[in-house]
Amino acid sequence: MIREKILDILTDICGTDEIKRNPDLELFENGWLDSFGIIELFVAIHEQLDVEVAPTEMERVEWETANKIIAYLEERKG
């Protein structure tokens, strides 16, 4: 459930379905996610998965790829 939700959220925010095909692609390096996009992501995670995430809670490297985001959230929900 978390995996599908995050991939859908990222596809909407980033405007590409490349993320679904390869969830190990670098979101920031490819220009799909920026500081505004990460805030959108945090809001969507809170609204759709009921997980509160603060920007100060993690390093950007932990959110580089869809797979890293999914792993982080699965551990939190775990």
N, C-alpha and C. Protein backbone atom coordinates (compact mmCIF):
# COMPACT_ATOMS: atom_id res chain seq x y z
N MET A 1 0.82 -1.20 0.00
CA MET A 1 0.00 0.00 0.00
C MET A 1 0.86 1.26 0.00
N ILE A 2 1.86 1.32 0.89
CA ILE A 2 2.73 2.50 0.94
C ILE A 2 3.44 2.68 -0.40
N ARG A 3 3.96 1.59 -0.94
CA ARG A 3 4.71 1.66 -2.21
C ARG A 3 3.86 2.29 -3.32
N GLU A 4 2.66 1.78 -3.51
CA GLU A 4 1.80 2.28 -4.59
C GLU A 4 1.43 3.74 -4.36
N LYS A 5 1.11 4.09 -3.11
CA LYS A 5 0.73 5.48 -2.79
C LYS A 5 1.88 6.43 -3.09
N ILE A 6 3.07 6.08 -2.63
CA ILE A 6 4.24 6.95 -2.83
C ILE A 6 4.55 7.10 -4.31
N LEU A 7 4.50 6.01 -5.05
CA LEU A 7 4.77 6.09 -6.49
C LEU A 7 3.73 6.97 -7.18
N ASP A 8 2.47 6.87 -6.77
CA ASP A 8 1.43 7.73 -7.35
C ASP A 8 1.65 9.19 -6.98
N ILE A 9 1.96 9.44 -5.71
CA ILE A 9 2.21 10.81 -5.24
C ILE A 9 3.38 11.43 -6.00
N LEU A 10 4.48 10.68 -6.10
CA LEU A 10 5.66 11.20 -6.79
C LEU A 10 5.41 11.42 -8.28
N THR A 11 4.65 10.54 -8.89
CA THR A 11 4.30 10.73 -10.30
C THR A 11 3.55 12.04 -10.50
N ASP A 12 2.61 12.32 -9.59
CA ASP A 12 1.85 13.57 -9.67
C ASP A 12 2.74 14.80 -9.43
N ILE A 13 3.53 14.76 -8.37
CA ILE A 13 4.36 15.91 -8.01
C ILE A 13 5.45 16.15 -9.06
N CYS A 14 6.08 15.09 -9.50
CA CYS A 14 7.23 15.21 -10.41
C CYS A 14 6.83 15.31 -11.87
N GLY A 15 5.60 14.94 -12.18
CA GLY A 15 5.12 15.06 -13.55
C GLY A 15 5.71 14.04 -14.52
N THR A 16 6.13 12.90 -13.99
CA THR A 16 6.68 11.84 -14.86
C THR A 16 6.35 10.47 -14.28
N ASP A 17 6.12 9.52 -15.17
CA ASP A 17 5.89 8.16 -14.69
C ASP A 17 7.17 7.32 -14.78
N GLU A 18 8.30 7.98 -15.10
CA GLU A 18 9.60 7.31 -15.09
C GLU A 18 9.89 6.72 -13.72
N ILE A 19 9.39 7.38 -12.69
CA ILE A 19 9.63 6.96 -11.30
C ILE A 19 9.00 5.59 -11.05
N LYS A 20 7.84 5.35 -11.63
CA LYS A 20 7.19 4.05 -11.46
C LYS A 20 7.99 2.95 -12.17
N ARG A 21 8.56 3.28 -13.30
CA ARG A 21 9.34 2.30 -14.06
C ARG A 21 10.68 2.00 -13.41
N ASN A 22 11.27 3.02 -12.79
CA ASN A 22 12.56 2.84 -12.13
C ASN A 22 12.59 3.67 -10.84
N PRO A 23 12.14 3.09 -9.73
CA PRO A 23 12.08 3.82 -8.47
C PRO A 23 13.43 4.10 -7.83
N ASP A 24 14.52 3.74 -8.51
CA ASP A 24 15.85 4.06 -8.01
C ASP A 24 16.45 5.30 -8.70
N LEU A 25 15.69 5.93 -9.57
CA LEU A 25 16.16 7.16 -10.21
C LEU A 25 16.26 8.27 -9.18
N GLU A 26 17.29 9.11 -9.33
CA GLU A 26 17.52 10.23 -8.42
C GLU A 26 16.49 11.34 -8.69
N LEU A 27 15.68 11.64 -7.71
CA LEU A 27 14.60 12.61 -7.88
C LEU A 27 15.12 14.04 -7.99
N PHE A 28 16.08 14.40 -7.13
CA PHE A 28 16.61 15.77 -7.14
C PHE A 28 17.57 15.96 -8.32
N GLU A 29 18.44 15.00 -8.52
CA GLU A 29 19.45 15.10 -9.58
C GLU A 29 18.81 15.22 -10.96
N ASN A 30 17.67 14.55 -11.16
CA ASN A 30 16.97 14.62 -12.44
C ASN A 30 16.06 15.84 -12.56
N GLY A 31 16.00 16.65 -11.51
CA GLY A 31 15.21 17.87 -11.55
C GLY A 31 13.72 17.66 -11.36
N TRP A 32 13.33 16.48 -10.89
CA TRP A 32 11.91 16.20 -10.69
C TRP A 32 11.39 16.68 -9.35
N LEU A 33 12.28 16.78 -8.37
CA LEU A 33 11.87 17.18 -7.03
C LEU A 33 12.78 18.32 -6.57
N ASP A 34 12.15 19.36 -6.03
CA ASP A 34 12.90 20.49 -5.49
C ASP A 34 12.34 20.80 -4.10
N SER A 35 12.74 21.91 -3.52
CA SER A 35 12.31 22.23 -2.16
C SER A 35 10.80 22.40 -2.07
N PHE A 36 10.17 22.97 -3.08
CA PHE A 36 8.72 23.10 -3.09
C PHE A 36 8.06 21.72 -3.22
N GLY A 37 8.61 20.90 -4.09
CA GLY A 37 8.08 19.55 -4.30
C GLY A 37 8.17 18.69 -3.06
N ILE A 38 9.25 18.84 -2.29
CA ILE A 38 9.40 18.02 -1.09
C ILE A 38 8.34 18.40 -0.06
N ILE A 39 7.99 19.68 0.01
CA ILE A 39 6.92 20.10 0.93
C ILE A 39 5.59 19.51 0.47
N GLU A 40 5.34 19.54 -0.83
CA GLU A 40 4.13 18.90 -1.38
C GLU A 40 4.11 17.41 -1.01
N LEU A 41 5.26 16.78 -1.10
CA LEU A 41 5.37 15.36 -0.76
C LEU A 41 5.04 15.12 0.71
N PHE A 42 5.60 15.94 1.61
CA PHE A 42 5.32 15.79 3.04
C PHE A 42 3.83 15.95 3.33
N VAL A 43 3.21 16.93 2.70
CA VAL A 43 1.77 17.17 2.90
C VAL A 43 0.97 15.97 2.39
N ALA A 44 1.30 15.47 1.22
CA ALA A 44 0.59 14.33 0.65
C ALA A 44 0.76 13.08 1.50
N ILE A 45 1.97 12.87 2.02
CA ILE A 45 2.21 11.71 2.90
C ILE A 45 1.35 11.82 4.15
N HIS A 46 1.28 13.01 4.70
CA HIS A 46 0.45 13.20 5.89
C HIS A 46 -1.03 12.96 5.59
N GLU A 47 -1.50 13.51 4.49
CA GLU A 47 -2.92 13.39 4.14
C GLU A 47 -3.31 11.98 3.71
N GLN A 48 -2.46 11.32 2.95
CA GLN A 48 -2.84 10.03 2.37
C GLN A 48 -2.39 8.82 3.19
N LEU A 49 -1.32 8.99 3.97
CA LEU A 49 -0.80 7.85 4.74
C LEU A 49 -0.86 8.09 6.24
N ASP A 50 -1.29 9.29 6.64
CA ASP A 50 -1.39 9.66 8.05
C ASP A 50 -0.05 9.51 8.78
N VAL A 51 1.01 9.93 8.10
CA VAL A 51 2.35 9.94 8.69
C VAL A 51 2.85 11.37 8.66
N GLU A 52 3.19 11.90 9.82
CA GLU A 52 3.72 13.26 9.93
C GLU A 52 5.22 13.21 9.71
N VAL A 53 5.70 13.96 8.74
CA VAL A 53 7.13 14.02 8.44
C VAL A 53 7.55 15.48 8.47
N ALA A 54 8.57 15.77 9.28
CA ALA A 54 9.10 17.14 9.35
C ALA A 54 10.36 17.23 8.50
N PRO A 55 10.51 18.32 7.78
CA PRO A 55 11.70 18.47 6.93
C PRO A 55 13.01 18.38 7.70
N THR A 56 12.99 18.74 8.98
CA THR A 56 14.21 18.70 9.79
C THR A 56 14.52 17.30 10.29
N GLU A 57 13.63 16.38 10.05
CA GLU A 57 13.72 15.02 10.58
C GLU A 57 14.69 14.13 9.81
N MET A 58 15.03 14.50 8.58
CA MET A 58 15.89 13.64 7.79
C MET A 58 16.79 14.45 6.86
N GLU A 59 17.79 13.77 6.37
CA GLU A 59 18.70 14.37 5.40
C GLU A 59 18.14 14.16 3.99
N ARG A 60 18.50 15.05 3.10
CA ARG A 60 18.02 14.94 1.72
C ARG A 60 18.43 13.61 1.08
N VAL A 61 19.58 13.09 1.45
CA VAL A 61 20.06 11.84 0.88
C VAL A 61 19.09 10.68 1.18
N GLU A 62 18.33 10.78 2.27
CA GLU A 62 17.35 9.74 2.62
C GLU A 62 16.12 9.79 1.72
N TRP A 63 15.98 10.86 0.94
CA TRP A 63 14.81 11.06 0.09
C TRP A 63 15.21 11.19 -1.37
N GLU A 64 16.37 10.65 -1.74
CA GLU A 64 16.87 10.79 -3.11
C GLU A 64 16.06 10.03 -4.14
N THR A 65 15.53 8.88 -3.75
CA THR A 65 14.82 8.03 -4.70
C THR A 65 13.48 7.59 -4.11
N ALA A 66 12.59 7.16 -4.97
CA ALA A 66 11.30 6.65 -4.50
C ALA A 66 11.51 5.45 -3.57
N ASN A 67 12.44 4.57 -3.92
CA ASN A 67 12.68 3.40 -3.07
C ASN A 67 13.17 3.78 -1.68
N LYS A 68 14.00 4.81 -1.57
CA LYS A 68 14.46 5.26 -0.25
C LYS A 68 13.31 5.85 0.55
N ILE A 69 12.44 6.60 -0.10
CA ILE A 69 11.27 7.18 0.58
C ILE A 69 10.36 6.05 1.07
N ILE A 70 10.11 5.09 0.23
CA ILE A 70 9.25 3.95 0.57
C ILE A 70 9.84 3.19 1.76
N ALA A 71 11.13 2.90 1.72
CA ALA A 71 11.78 2.17 2.81
C ALA A 71 11.68 2.94 4.12
N TYR A 72 11.90 4.24 4.07
CA TYR A 72 11.80 5.08 5.27
C TYR A 72 10.40 5.03 5.87
N LEU A 73 9.40 5.18 5.02
CA LEU A 73 8.01 5.19 5.50
C LEU A 73 7.56 3.83 5.98
N GLU A 74 7.98 2.78 5.31
CA GLU A 74 7.63 1.43 5.77
C GLU A 74 8.22 1.14 7.13
N GLU A 75 9.43 1.63 7.37
CA GLU A 75 10.06 1.47 8.68
C GLU A 75 9.31 2.27 9.75
N ARG A 76 8.91 3.47 9.41
CA ARG A 76 8.14 4.31 10.35
C ARG A 76 6.79 3.71 10.70
N LYS A 77 6.12 3.17 9.67
CA LYS A 77 4.78 2.60 9.89
C LYS A 77 4.86 1.23 10.55
N GLY A 78 6.02 0.55 10.35
CA GLY A 78 6.31 -0.78 10.70
C GLY A 78 5.81 -1.44 11.86
